[in-house]
Every structure is written in C-alpha cells, then in structure tokens.
C-alpha cells in the first residue's frame, strides 16, 4: 500500500485474510500475534458472557469474537469481542465486513497490541 491515501475495505479485500489489517483513520494497522495471557483473558471474559448469548433469549445478545466491522469507509476494525442486542437485531449478521455497528465492543489490551 503506497502513499498517504486513506485506505478502505477495497484496498485490503484482495489480501489473504490473515494478512488483512484493521483500518483506523484510513491507515492500516496489523495486529501482533496474540500471547497466552491475552488469549486466557479473552477466554475467561467470553465464558462470563455465555449466559447473555443463550439460544432462547429474545432480549439477550449476539456475542461474537473477532468480527470484522466497518464503522465508516476508512474505519474497519476487528475487536476481540462485539455484541448486538437481539431486541435491536433479531438475526445475527453474517456479512463480511459487517456494516451494522455493534452495541458493545471489547478489546483486550496487552503490550503486543497497544497502539
């Protein structure tokens, strides 16, 4: 990717999925590989959220890990966890990237991914 031009989804779509950066303010950011402490924290947090994402909860949440979300043309992020309220969104979106803003997002910060 060249120059100072603001990046969009079309700029990274052709790349293999594991090489696709997040785009923040039009600039690409590549995530570092996750370490064990990061993964364990994420796993423990996810376990606490399972009750809110039950299959029969009309007023619960859709909780997803590492969903690619397009917040704006030059803002494409992949938070560790996101959630949509089922009352607002009855069906889980499956678009890639998802253009429906989540109601909640979580990024587990560590030295390997702090910007």
C-alpha atoms as a PDB file:
ATOM      1  CA  UNK A   1       0.000   0.000   0.000  1.00  0.00           C
ATOM      2  CA  UNK A   2       1.532   3.243  -1.104  1.00  0.00           C
ATOM      3  CA  UNK A   3       1.368   6.909  -0.211  1.00  0.00           C
ATOM      4  CA  UNK A   4      -0.739   8.773   2.290  1.00  0.00           C
ATOM      5  CA  UNK A   5      -4.084   7.933   0.673  1.00  0.00           C
ATOM      6  CA  UNK A   6      -6.855   6.904   3.109  1.00  0.00           C
ATOM      7  CA  UNK A   7      -7.415   3.149   2.912  1.00  0.00           C
ATOM      8  CA  UNK A   8     -10.784   1.397   2.538  1.00  0.00           C
ATOM      9  CA  UNK A   9     -12.079  -2.180   2.502  1.00  0.00           C
ATOM     10  CA  UNK A  10     -11.403  -2.411  -1.223  1.00  0.00           C
ATOM     11  CA  UNK A  11      -7.697  -1.829  -0.541  1.00  0.00           C
ATOM     12  CA  UNK A  12      -7.405  -4.926   1.661  1.00  0.00           C
ATOM     13  CA  UNK A  13     -10.072  -7.240   0.243  1.00  0.00           C
ATOM     14  CA  UNK A  14      -7.644  -8.940  -2.161  1.00  0.00           C
ATOM     15  CA  UNK A  15      -5.180  -9.804   0.641  1.00  0.00           C
ATOM     16  CA  UNK A  16      -5.304 -13.216   2.352  1.00  0.00           C
ATOM     17  CA  UNK A  17      -7.482 -12.986   5.466  1.00  0.00           C
ATOM     18  CA  UNK A  18      -4.547 -13.479   7.856  1.00  0.00           C
ATOM     19  CA  UNK A  19      -2.769 -10.505   6.256  1.00  0.00           C
ATOM     20  CA  UNK A  20      -5.672  -8.063   6.313  1.00  0.00           C
ATOM     21  CA  UNK A  21      -5.029  -5.105   8.590  1.00  0.00           C
ATOM     22  CA  UNK A  22      -7.544  -3.148  10.566  1.00  0.00           C
ATOM     23  CA  UNK A  23      -8.022   0.332   9.134  1.00  0.00           C
ATOM     24  CA  UNK A  24      -8.149   3.204  11.610  1.00  0.00           C
ATOM     25  CA  UNK A  25      -8.492   6.738  10.291  1.00  0.00           C
ATOM     26  CA  UNK A  26      -7.600   5.405   6.850  1.00  0.00           C
ATOM     27  CA  UNK A  27      -4.281   3.876   7.962  1.00  0.00           C
ATOM     28  CA  UNK A  28      -3.559   0.137   8.071  1.00  0.00           C
ATOM     29  CA  UNK A  29      -2.714  -1.440  11.434  1.00  0.00           C
ATOM     30  CA  UNK A  30      -1.522  -5.018  11.618  1.00  0.00           C
ATOM     31  CA  UNK A  31      -2.283  -6.969  14.754  1.00  0.00           C
ATOM     32  CA  UNK A  32       0.551  -8.712  16.500  1.00  0.00           C
ATOM     33  CA  UNK A  33       0.195 -12.404  17.244  1.00  0.00           C
ATOM     34  CA  UNK A  34      -1.677 -12.998  20.474  1.00  0.00           C
ATOM     35  CA  UNK A  35       0.153 -14.227  23.553  1.00  0.00           C
ATOM     36  CA  UNK A  36      -1.135 -16.758  26.076  1.00  0.00           C
ATOM     37  CA  UNK A  37      -2.139 -14.182  28.706  1.00  0.00           C
ATOM     38  CA  UNK A  38      -4.189 -12.286  26.133  1.00  0.00           C
ATOM     39  CA  UNK A  39      -5.921 -15.476  24.972  1.00  0.00           C
ATOM     40  CA  UNK A  40      -6.639 -16.617  28.523  1.00  0.00           C
ATOM     41  CA  UNK A  41      -8.131 -13.246  29.464  1.00  0.00           C
ATOM     42  CA  UNK A  42     -10.299 -13.340  26.350  1.00  0.00           C
ATOM     43  CA  UNK A  43     -11.423 -16.921  27.079  1.00  0.00           C
ATOM     44  CA  UNK A  44     -12.372 -16.075  30.667  1.00  0.00           C
ATOM     45  CA  UNK A  45     -14.282 -12.978  29.587  1.00  0.00           C
ATOM     46  CA  UNK A  46     -16.127 -14.946  26.905  1.00  0.00           C
ATOM     47  CA  UNK A  47     -17.099 -17.596  29.464  1.00  0.00           C
ATOM     48  CA  UNK A  48     -18.705 -14.884  31.609  1.00  0.00           C
ATOM     49  CA  UNK A  49     -20.758 -13.643  28.644  1.00  0.00           C
ATOM     50  CA  UNK A  50     -22.195 -17.028  27.630  1.00  0.00           C
ATOM     51  CA  UNK A  51     -25.340 -16.537  29.738  1.00  0.00           C
ATOM     52  CA  UNK A  52     -26.241 -13.378  27.785  1.00  0.00           C
ATOM     53  CA  UNK A  53     -25.972 -15.214  24.443  1.00  0.00           C
ATOM     54  CA  UNK A  54     -28.359 -18.109  25.055  1.00  0.00           C
ATOM     55  CA  UNK A  55     -30.308 -19.513  22.081  1.00  0.00           C
ATOM     56  CA  UNK A  56     -33.728 -18.791  23.608  1.00  0.00           C
ATOM     57  CA  UNK A  57     -33.069 -15.274  24.873  1.00  0.00           C
ATOM     58  CA  UNK A  58     -35.200 -12.838  22.934  1.00  0.00           C
ATOM     59  CA  UNK A  59     -33.787  -9.911  24.911  1.00  0.00           C
ATOM     60  CA  UNK A  60     -30.230 -11.219  25.082  1.00  0.00           C
ATOM     61  CA  UNK A  61     -27.173 -10.541  22.978  1.00  0.00           C
ATOM     62  CA  UNK A  62     -25.355 -11.856  19.948  1.00  0.00           C
ATOM     63  CA  UNK A  63     -21.736 -12.101  21.135  1.00  0.00           C
ATOM     64  CA  UNK A  64     -19.012 -12.678  18.518  1.00  0.00           C
ATOM     65  CA  UNK A  65     -15.245 -12.929  18.685  1.00  0.00           C
ATOM     66  CA  UNK A  66     -13.084 -11.100  16.151  1.00  0.00           C
ATOM     67  CA  UNK A  67     -15.890  -9.908  13.890  1.00  0.00           C
ATOM     68  CA  UNK A  68     -14.749  -7.584  11.102  1.00  0.00           C
ATOM     69  CA  UNK A  69     -16.839  -4.410  11.411  1.00  0.00           C
ATOM     70  CA  UNK A  70     -16.888  -1.461   9.021  1.00  0.00           C
ATOM     71  CA  UNK A  71     -17.708   1.598  11.121  1.00  0.00           C
ATOM     72  CA  UNK A  72     -17.064   4.016   8.235  1.00  0.00           C
ATOM     73  CA  UNK A  73     -15.288   3.791   4.855  1.00  0.00           C
ATOM     74  CA  UNK A  74     -11.895   4.424   6.494  1.00  0.00           C
ATOM     75  CA  UNK A  75     -12.627   2.654   9.806  1.00  0.00           C
ATOM     76  CA  UNK A  76     -12.572  -1.153   9.603  1.00  0.00           C
ATOM     77  CA  UNK A  77     -11.858  -2.885  12.883  1.00  0.00           C
ATOM     78  CA  UNK A  78     -11.782  -6.376  14.304  1.00  0.00           C
ATOM     79  CA  UNK A  79     -12.313  -6.109  18.073  1.00  0.00           C
ATOM     80  CA  UNK A  80     -11.707  -9.123  20.284  1.00  0.00           C
ATOM     81  CA  UNK A  81     -15.422  -9.251  21.148  1.00  0.00           C
ATOM     82  CA  UNK A  82     -18.524  -7.446  19.917  1.00  0.00           C
ATOM     83  CA  UNK A  83     -22.181  -7.712  20.803  1.00  0.00           C
ATOM     84  CA  UNK A  84     -25.504  -6.734  19.299  1.00  0.00           C
ATOM     85  CA  UNK A  85     -28.722  -6.555  21.341  1.00  0.00           C
ATOM     86  CA  UNK A  86     -31.210  -9.079  19.995  1.00  0.00           C
ATOM     87  CA  UNK A  87     -34.047  -6.640  20.636  1.00  0.00           C
ATOM     88  CA  UNK A  88     -32.465  -4.368  18.003  1.00  0.00           C
ATOM     89  CA  UNK A  89     -31.115  -7.081  15.714  1.00  0.00           C
ATOM     90  CA  UNK A  90     -33.220 -10.276  15.742  1.00  0.00           C
ATOM     91  CA  UNK A  91     -30.869 -12.188  13.412  1.00  0.00           C
ATOM     92  CA  UNK A  92     -27.104 -12.426  13.699  1.00  0.00           C
ATOM     93  CA  UNK A  93     -25.489 -10.597  10.769  1.00  0.00           C
ATOM     94  CA  UNK A  94     -23.156 -12.676   8.628  1.00  0.00           C
ATOM     95  CA  UNK A  95     -21.851 -10.029   6.233  1.00  0.00           C
ATOM     96  CA  UNK A  96     -18.107  -9.572   5.827  1.00  0.00           C
ATOM     97  CA  UNK A  97     -17.350  -6.946   6.798  1.00  0.00           C
ATOM     98  CA  UNK A  98     -20.389  -6.308   8.940  1.00  0.00           C
ATOM     99  CA  UNK A  99     -21.832  -2.838   8.342  1.00  0.00           C
ATOM    100  CA  UNK A 100     -24.141  -2.924  11.372  1.00  0.00           C
ATOM    101  CA  UNK A 101     -22.482  -1.167  14.290  1.00  0.00           C
ATOM    102  CA  UNK A 102     -22.331  -3.350  17.382  1.00  0.00           C
ATOM    103  CA  UNK A 103     -23.974  -2.153  20.584  1.00  0.00           C
ATOM    104  CA  UNK A 104     -20.898  -3.185  22.544  1.00  0.00           C
ATOM    105  CA  UNK A 105     -17.255  -3.892  21.816  1.00  0.00           C
ATOM    106  CA  UNK A 106     -14.284  -5.112  23.817  1.00  0.00           C
ATOM    107  CA  UNK A 107     -10.572  -5.108  23.075  1.00  0.00           C
ATOM    108  CA  UNK A 108      -8.286  -6.983  25.461  1.00  0.00           C
ATOM    109  CA  UNK A 109      -5.221  -4.774  25.678  1.00  0.00           C
ATOM    110  CA  UNK A 110      -1.738  -6.122  26.104  1.00  0.00           C
ATOM    111  CA  UNK A 111       1.762  -4.986  25.282  1.00  0.00           C
ATOM    112  CA  UNK A 112       1.578  -6.828  21.958  1.00  0.00           C
ATOM    113  CA  UNK A 113      -1.453  -4.895  20.670  1.00  0.00           C
ATOM    114  CA  UNK A 114      -1.302  -1.475  22.339  1.00  0.00           C
ATOM    115  CA  UNK A 115      -1.119   1.247  19.700  1.00  0.00           C
END
